[in-house]
């Protein structure tokens, strides 16, 4: 259910309520991630979840346009 945790740090999260026997709120997944990795900002834009991969995808797109197939 990591997708539910990701949703909770975006600008417009859905309700955090979930129905699992070990956690009742998707915010619990965010707290677990913070315990492992440090603070996670809230209310992020949609590009936030892509992290460094977004820049790499942009570089790859730029290099594939300049090279003939």
PDB file of N, CA and C in Angstrom:
ATOM      1  N   UNK A   1       0.803  -1.200   0.000  1.00  0.00           N
ATOM      2  CA  UNK A   1       0.000   0.000   0.000  1.00  0.00           C
ATOM      3  C   UNK A   1       0.845   1.264   0.000  1.00  0.00           C
ATOM      4  N   UNK A   2       2.041   1.207  -0.529  1.00  0.00           N
ATOM      5  CA  UNK A   2       2.876   2.414  -0.520  1.00  0.00           C
ATOM      6  C   UNK A   2       2.236   3.533  -1.327  1.00  0.00           C
ATOM      7  N   UNK A   3       1.414   3.201  -2.307  1.00  0.00           N
ATOM      8  CA  UNK A   3       0.715   4.227  -3.082  1.00  0.00           C
ATOM      9  C   UNK A   3      -0.178   5.083  -2.211  1.00  0.00           C
ATOM     10  N   UNK A   4      -0.772   4.511  -1.202  1.00  0.00           N
ATOM     11  CA  UNK A   4      -1.621   5.292  -0.286  1.00  0.00           C
ATOM     12  C   UNK A   4      -0.779   6.251   0.532  1.00  0.00           C
ATOM     13  N   UNK A   5       0.413   5.847   0.904  1.00  0.00           N
ATOM     14  CA  UNK A   5       1.319   6.754   1.613  1.00  0.00           C
ATOM     15  C   UNK A   5       1.767   7.891   0.714  1.00  0.00           C
ATOM     16  N   UNK A   6       2.092   7.578  -0.526  1.00  0.00           N
ATOM     17  CA  UNK A   6       2.484   8.609  -1.486  1.00  0.00           C
ATOM     18  C   UNK A   6       1.360   9.622  -1.646  1.00  0.00           C
ATOM     19  N   UNK A   7       0.147   9.138  -1.768  1.00  0.00           N
ATOM     20  CA  UNK A   7      -1.003  10.019  -1.922  1.00  0.00           C
ATOM     21  C   UNK A   7      -1.087  11.019  -0.774  1.00  0.00           C
ATOM     22  N   UNK A   8      -0.735  10.606   0.426  1.00  0.00           N
ATOM     23  CA  UNK A   8      -0.869  11.473   1.599  1.00  0.00           C
ATOM     24  C   UNK A   8       0.106  12.643   1.605  1.00  0.00           C
ATOM     25  N   UNK A   9       1.177  12.595   0.830  1.00  0.00           N
ATOM     26  CA  UNK A   9       2.122  13.714   0.793  1.00  0.00           C
ATOM     27  C   UNK A   9       1.916  14.609  -0.424  1.00  0.00           C
ATOM     28  N   UNK A  10       0.920  14.314  -1.238  1.00  0.00           N
ATOM     29  CA  UNK A  10       0.628  15.154  -2.397  1.00  0.00           C
ATOM     30  C   UNK A  10      -0.289  16.308  -2.011  1.00  0.00           C
ATOM     31  N   UNK A  11      -0.442  17.247  -2.923  1.00  0.00           N
ATOM     32  CA  UNK A  11      -1.192  18.478  -2.647  1.00  0.00           C
ATOM     33  C   UNK A  11      -2.662  18.229  -2.310  1.00  0.00           C
ATOM     34  N   UNK A  12      -3.248  17.213  -2.903  1.00  0.00           N
ATOM     35  CA  UNK A  12      -4.676  16.947  -2.695  1.00  0.00           C
ATOM     36  C   UNK A  12      -4.896  15.474  -2.363  1.00  0.00           C
ATOM     37  N   UNK A  13      -4.515  15.049  -1.157  1.00  0.00           N
ATOM     38  CA  UNK A  13      -4.648  13.632  -0.805  1.00  0.00           C
ATOM     39  C   UNK A  13      -6.112  13.223  -0.609  1.00  0.00           C
ATOM     40  N   UNK A  14      -6.375  11.959  -0.826  1.00  0.00           N
ATOM     41  CA  UNK A  14      -7.705  11.432  -0.523  1.00  0.00           C
ATOM     42  C   UNK A  14      -7.775  11.121   0.973  1.00  0.00           C
ATOM     43  N   UNK A  15      -8.892  10.655   1.405  1.00  0.00           N
ATOM     44  CA  UNK A  15      -9.054  10.303   2.815  1.00  0.00           C
ATOM     45  C   UNK A  15      -8.005   9.265   3.210  1.00  0.00           C
ATOM     46  N   UNK A  16      -7.356   9.444   4.360  1.00  0.00           N
ATOM     47  CA  UNK A  16      -6.313   8.496   4.769  1.00  0.00           C
ATOM     48  C   UNK A  16      -6.860   7.189   5.334  1.00  0.00           C
ATOM     49  N   UNK A  17      -8.171   7.094   5.515  1.00  0.00           N
ATOM     50  CA  UNK A  17      -8.748   5.893   6.130  1.00  0.00           C
ATOM     51  C   UNK A  17      -8.534   4.665   5.247  1.00  0.00           C
ATOM     52  N   UNK A  18      -7.987   3.607   5.850  1.00  0.00           N
ATOM     53  CA  UNK A  18      -7.821   2.335   5.155  1.00  0.00           C
ATOM     54  C   UNK A  18      -8.294   1.220   6.076  1.00  0.00           C
ATOM     55  N   UNK A  19      -8.532   0.063   5.519  1.00  0.00           N
ATOM     56  CA  UNK A  19      -9.094  -1.059   6.277  1.00  0.00           C
ATOM     57  C   UNK A  19      -8.123  -2.233   6.277  1.00  0.00           C
ATOM     58  N   UNK A  20      -7.093  -2.108   7.077  1.00  0.00           N
ATOM     59  CA  UNK A  20      -6.117  -3.172   7.247  1.00  0.00           C
ATOM     60  C   UNK A  20      -6.015  -3.464   8.735  1.00  0.00           C
ATOM     61  N   UNK A  21      -5.710  -4.681   9.080  1.00  0.00           N
ATOM     62  CA  UNK A  21      -5.698  -5.026  10.505  1.00  0.00           C
ATOM     63  C   UNK A  21      -4.536  -4.397  11.268  1.00  0.00           C
ATOM     64  N   UNK A  22      -3.476  -3.986  10.584  1.00  0.00           N
ATOM     65  CA  UNK A  22      -2.311  -3.448  11.282  1.00  0.00           C
ATOM     66  C   UNK A  22      -2.173  -1.935  11.185  1.00  0.00           C
ATOM     67  N   UNK A  23      -2.946  -1.289  10.366  1.00  0.00           N
ATOM     68  CA  UNK A  23      -2.912   0.169  10.267  1.00  0.00           C
ATOM     69  C   UNK A  23      -4.270   0.651   9.757  1.00  0.00           C
ATOM     70  N   UNK A  24      -4.756   1.741  10.305  1.00  0.00           N
ATOM     71  CA  UNK A  24      -6.076   2.267   9.941  1.00  0.00           C
ATOM     72  C   UNK A  24      -6.004   3.560   9.141  1.00  0.00           C
ATOM     73  N   UNK A  25      -4.791   4.111   8.996  1.00  0.00           N
ATOM     74  CA  UNK A  25      -4.622   5.364   8.279  1.00  0.00           C
ATOM     75  C   UNK A  25      -3.410   5.265   7.353  1.00  0.00           C
ATOM     76  N   UNK A  26      -3.558   5.760   6.148  1.00  0.00           N
ATOM     77  CA  UNK A  26      -2.440   5.763   5.203  1.00  0.00           C
ATOM     78  C   UNK A  26      -1.299   6.633   5.715  1.00  0.00           C
ATOM     79  N   UNK A  27      -1.608   7.553   6.618  1.00  0.00           N
ATOM     80  CA  UNK A  27      -0.561   8.378   7.216  1.00  0.00           C
ATOM     81  C   UNK A  27       0.451   7.498   7.960  1.00  0.00           C
ATOM     82  N   UNK A  28       0.038   6.326   8.402  1.00  0.00           N
ATOM     83  CA  UNK A  28       0.955   5.388   9.050  1.00  0.00           C
ATOM     84  C   UNK A  28       2.091   4.969   8.135  1.00  0.00           C
ATOM     85  N   UNK A  29       1.803   4.841   6.845  1.00  0.00           N
ATOM     86  CA  UNK A  29       2.856   4.493   5.883  1.00  0.00           C
ATOM     87  C   UNK A  29       3.856   5.634   5.743  1.00  0.00           C
ATOM     88  N   UNK A  30       3.356   6.866   5.798  1.00  0.00           N
ATOM     89  CA  UNK A  30       4.250   8.022   5.736  1.00  0.00           C
ATOM     90  C   UNK A  30       5.143   8.044   6.975  1.00  0.00           C
ATOM     91  N   UNK A  31       4.577   7.786   8.134  1.00  0.00           N
ATOM     92  CA  UNK A  31       5.363   7.768   9.360  1.00  0.00           C
ATOM     93  C   UNK A  31       6.448   6.695   9.326  1.00  0.00           C
ATOM     94  N   UNK A  32       6.134   5.529   8.781  1.00  0.00           N
ATOM     95  CA  UNK A  32       7.151   4.473   8.639  1.00  0.00           C
ATOM     96  C   UNK A  32       8.274   4.924   7.716  1.00  0.00           C
ATOM     97  N   UNK A  33       7.917   5.557   6.617  1.00  0.00           N
ATOM     98  CA  UNK A  33       8.929   6.054   5.676  1.00  0.00           C
ATOM     99  C   UNK A  33       9.796   7.125   6.332  1.00  0.00           C
ATOM    100  N   UNK A  34       9.179   7.987   7.144  1.00  0.00           N
ATOM    101  CA  UNK A  34       9.947   9.025   7.833  1.00  0.00           C
ATOM    102  C   UNK A  34      10.891   8.424   8.870  1.00  0.00           C
ATOM    103  N   UNK A  35      10.471   7.368   9.539  1.00  0.00           N
ATOM    104  CA  UNK A  35      11.359   6.706  10.503  1.00  0.00           C
ATOM    105  C   UNK A  35      12.597   6.157   9.810  1.00  0.00           C
ATOM    106  N   UNK A  36      12.429   5.681   8.593  1.00  0.00           N
ATOM    107  CA  UNK A  36      13.545   5.095   7.853  1.00  0.00           C
ATOM    108  C   UNK A  36      14.394   6.130   7.115  1.00  0.00           C
ATOM    109  N   UNK A  37      13.761   7.244   6.680  1.00  0.00           N
ATOM    110  CA  UNK A  37      14.446   8.171   5.775  1.00  0.00           C
ATOM    111  C   UNK A  37      14.483   9.625   6.214  1.00  0.00           C
ATOM    112  N   UNK A  38      13.840   9.959   7.310  1.00  0.00           N
ATOM    113  CA  UNK A  38      13.800  11.355   7.747  1.00  0.00           C
ATOM    114  C   UNK A  38      12.515  12.036   7.307  1.00  0.00           C
ATOM    115  N   UNK A  39      12.379  13.324   7.636  1.00  0.00           N
ATOM    116  CA  UNK A  39      11.136  14.056   7.368  1.00  0.00           C
ATOM    117  C   UNK A  39      10.753  14.069   5.884  1.00  0.00           C
ATOM    118  N   UNK A  40       9.468  13.964   5.634  1.00  0.00           N
ATOM    119  CA  UNK A  40       8.923  14.037   4.283  1.00  0.00           C
ATOM    120  C   UNK A  40       7.973  15.232   4.241  1.00  0.00           C
ATOM    121  N   UNK A  41       8.216  16.186   3.345  1.00  0.00           N
ATOM    122  CA  UNK A  41       7.323  17.337   3.268  1.00  0.00           C
ATOM    123  C   UNK A  41       5.931  16.931   2.797  1.00  0.00           C
ATOM    124  N   UNK A  42       4.942  17.702   3.178  1.00  0.00           N
ATOM    125  CA  UNK A  42       3.551  17.436   2.784  1.00  0.00           C
ATOM    126  C   UNK A  42       3.110  18.459   1.748  1.00  0.00           C
ATOM    127  N   UNK A  43       2.001  18.158   1.096  1.00  0.00           N
ATOM    128  CA  UNK A  43       1.356  19.024   0.101  1.00  0.00           C
ATOM    129  C   UNK A  43       2.276  19.317  -1.085  1.00  0.00           C
ATOM    130  N   UNK A  44       2.865  18.268  -1.634  1.00  0.00           N
ATOM    131  CA  UNK A  44       3.787  18.372  -2.759  1.00  0.00           C
ATOM    132  C   UNK A  44       3.048  18.308  -4.084  1.00  0.00           C
ATOM    133  N   UNK A  45       3.676  18.835  -5.112  1.00  0.00           N
ATOM    134  CA  UNK A  45       3.158  18.712  -6.465  1.00  0.00           C
ATOM    135  C   UNK A  45       3.340  17.279  -6.960  1.00  0.00           C
ATOM    136  N   UNK A  46       2.701  16.962  -8.053  1.00  0.00           N
ATOM    137  CA  UNK A  46       2.736  15.585  -8.563  1.00  0.00           C
ATOM    138  C   UNK A  46       4.130  15.138  -8.995  1.00  0.00           C
ATOM    139  N   UNK A  47       5.012  16.061  -9.351  1.00  0.00           N
ATOM    140  CA  UNK A  47       6.363  15.670  -9.775  1.00  0.00           C
ATOM    141  C   UNK A  47       7.236  15.235  -8.597  1.00  0.00           C
ATOM    142  N   UNK A  48       6.837  15.554  -7.365  1.00  0.00           N
ATOM    143  CA  UNK A  48       7.648  15.234  -6.185  1.00  0.00           C
ATOM    144  C   UNK A  48       7.960  13.743  -6.074  1.00  0.00           C
ATOM    145  N   UNK A  49       6.986  12.902  -6.322  1.00  0.00           N
ATOM    146  CA  UNK A  49       7.182  11.465  -6.125  1.00  0.00           C
ATOM    147  C   UNK A  49       8.182  10.857  -7.108  1.00  0.00           C
ATOM    148  N   UNK A  50       8.475  11.558  -8.193  1.00  0.00           N
ATOM    149  CA  UNK A  50       9.433  11.043  -9.166  1.00  0.00           C
ATOM    150  C   UNK A  50      10.868  11.303  -8.750  1.00  0.00           C
ATOM    151  N   UNK A  51      11.102  12.251  -7.849  1.00  0.00           N
ATOM    152  CA  UNK A  51      12.446  12.524  -7.344  1.00  0.00           C
ATOM    153  C   UNK A  51      13.457  12.750  -8.457  1.00  0.00           C
ATOM    154  N   UNK A  52      14.640  12.166  -8.309  1.00  0.00           N
ATOM    155  CA  UNK A  52      15.719  12.327  -9.275  1.00  0.00           C
ATOM    156  C   UNK A  52      15.397  11.674 -10.617  1.00  0.00           C
ATOM    157  N   UNK A  53      14.463  10.741 -10.627  1.00  0.00           N
ATOM    158  CA  UNK A  53      14.114  10.061 -11.883  1.00  0.00           C
ATOM    159  C   UNK A  53      13.552  11.037 -12.911  1.00  0.00           C
ATOM    160  N   UNK A  54      12.859  12.080 -12.458  1.00  0.00           N
ATOM    161  CA  UNK A  54      12.270  13.043 -13.391  1.00  0.00           C
ATOM    162  C   UNK A  54      13.354  13.743 -14.199  1.00  0.00           C
ATOM    163  N   UNK A  55      14.413  14.167 -13.526  1.00  0.00           N
ATOM    164  CA  UNK A  55      15.528  14.798 -14.239  1.00  0.00           C
ATOM    165  C   UNK A  55      16.198  13.839 -15.206  1.00  0.00           C
ATOM    166  N   UNK A  56      16.359  12.600 -14.790  1.00  0.00           N
ATOM    167  CA  UNK A  56      16.968  11.597 -15.670  1.00  0.00           C
ATOM    168  C   UNK A  56      16.103  11.346 -16.899  1.00  0.00           C
ATOM    169  N   UNK A  57      14.794  11.262 -16.718  1.00  0.00           N
ATOM    170  CA  UNK A  57      13.888  11.079 -17.863  1.00  0.00           C
ATOM    171  C   UNK A  57      13.984  12.253 -18.835  1.00  0.00           C
ATOM    172  N   UNK A  58      14.085  13.464 -18.309  1.00  0.00           N
ATOM    173  CA  UNK A  58      14.233  14.649 -19.163  1.00  0.00           C
ATOM    174  C   UNK A  58      15.539  14.590 -19.948  1.00  0.00           C
ATOM    175  N   UNK A  59      16.632  14.189 -19.281  1.00  0.00           N
ATOM    176  CA  UNK A  59      17.911  14.070 -19.984  1.00  0.00           C
ATOM    177  C   UNK A  59      17.845  13.010 -21.068  1.00  0.00           C
ATOM    178  N   UNK A  60      17.200  11.886 -20.775  1.00  0.00           N
ATOM    179  CA  UNK A  60      17.080  10.809 -21.763  1.00  0.00           C
ATOM    180  C   UNK A  60      16.228  11.262 -22.945  1.00  0.00           C
ATOM    181  N   UNK A  61      15.172  11.981 -22.672  1.00  0.00           N
ATOM    182  CA  UNK A  61      14.311  12.462 -23.752  1.00  0.00           C
ATOM    183  C   UNK A  61      15.088  13.415 -24.652  1.00  0.00           C
ATOM    184  N   UNK A  62      15.854  14.305 -24.036  1.00  0.00           N
ATOM    185  CA  UNK A  62      16.650  15.247 -24.817  1.00  0.00           C
ATOM    186  C   UNK A  62      17.711  14.562 -25.659  1.00  0.00           C
ATOM    187  N   UNK A  63      18.368  13.538 -25.119  1.00  0.00           N
ATOM    188  CA  UNK A  63      19.419  12.855 -25.868  1.00  0.00           C
ATOM    189  C   UNK A  63      18.839  11.980 -26.974  1.00  0.00           C
ATOM    190  N   UNK A  64      17.646  11.422 -26.783  1.00  0.00           N
ATOM    191  CA  UNK A  64      17.082  10.588 -27.835  1.00  0.00           C
ATOM    192  C   UNK A  64      16.559  11.418 -28.993  1.00  0.00           C
ATOM    193  N   UNK A  65      16.201  12.669 -28.747  1.00  0.00           N
ATOM    194  CA  UNK A  65      15.722  13.537 -29.824  1.00  0.00           C
ATOM    195  C   UNK A  65      16.885  13.931 -30.723  1.00  0.00           C
ATOM    196  N   UNK A  66      18.067  14.148 -30.148  1.00  0.00           N
ATOM    197  CA  UNK A  66      19.203  14.619 -30.929  1.00  0.00           C
ATOM    198  C   UNK A  66      19.928  13.490 -31.677  1.00  0.00           C
ATOM    199  N   UNK A  67      19.648  12.240 -31.357  1.00  0.00           N
ATOM    200  CA  UNK A  67      20.302  11.112 -32.018  1.00  0.00           C
ATOM    201  C   UNK A  67      19.353  10.465 -33.033  1.00  0.00           C
ATOM    202  N   UNK A  68      19.851  10.162 -34.237  1.00  0.00           N
ATOM    203  CA  UNK A  68      19.000   9.456 -35.197  1.00  0.00           C
ATOM    204  C   UNK A  68      18.721   8.027 -34.735  1.00  0.00           C
ATOM    205  N   UNK A  69      17.562   7.523 -35.046  1.00  0.00           N
ATOM    206  CA  UNK A  69      17.202   6.165 -34.646  1.00  0.00           C
ATOM    207  C   UNK A  69      17.757   5.144 -35.575  1.00  0.00           C
TER     208      UNK A  69
END
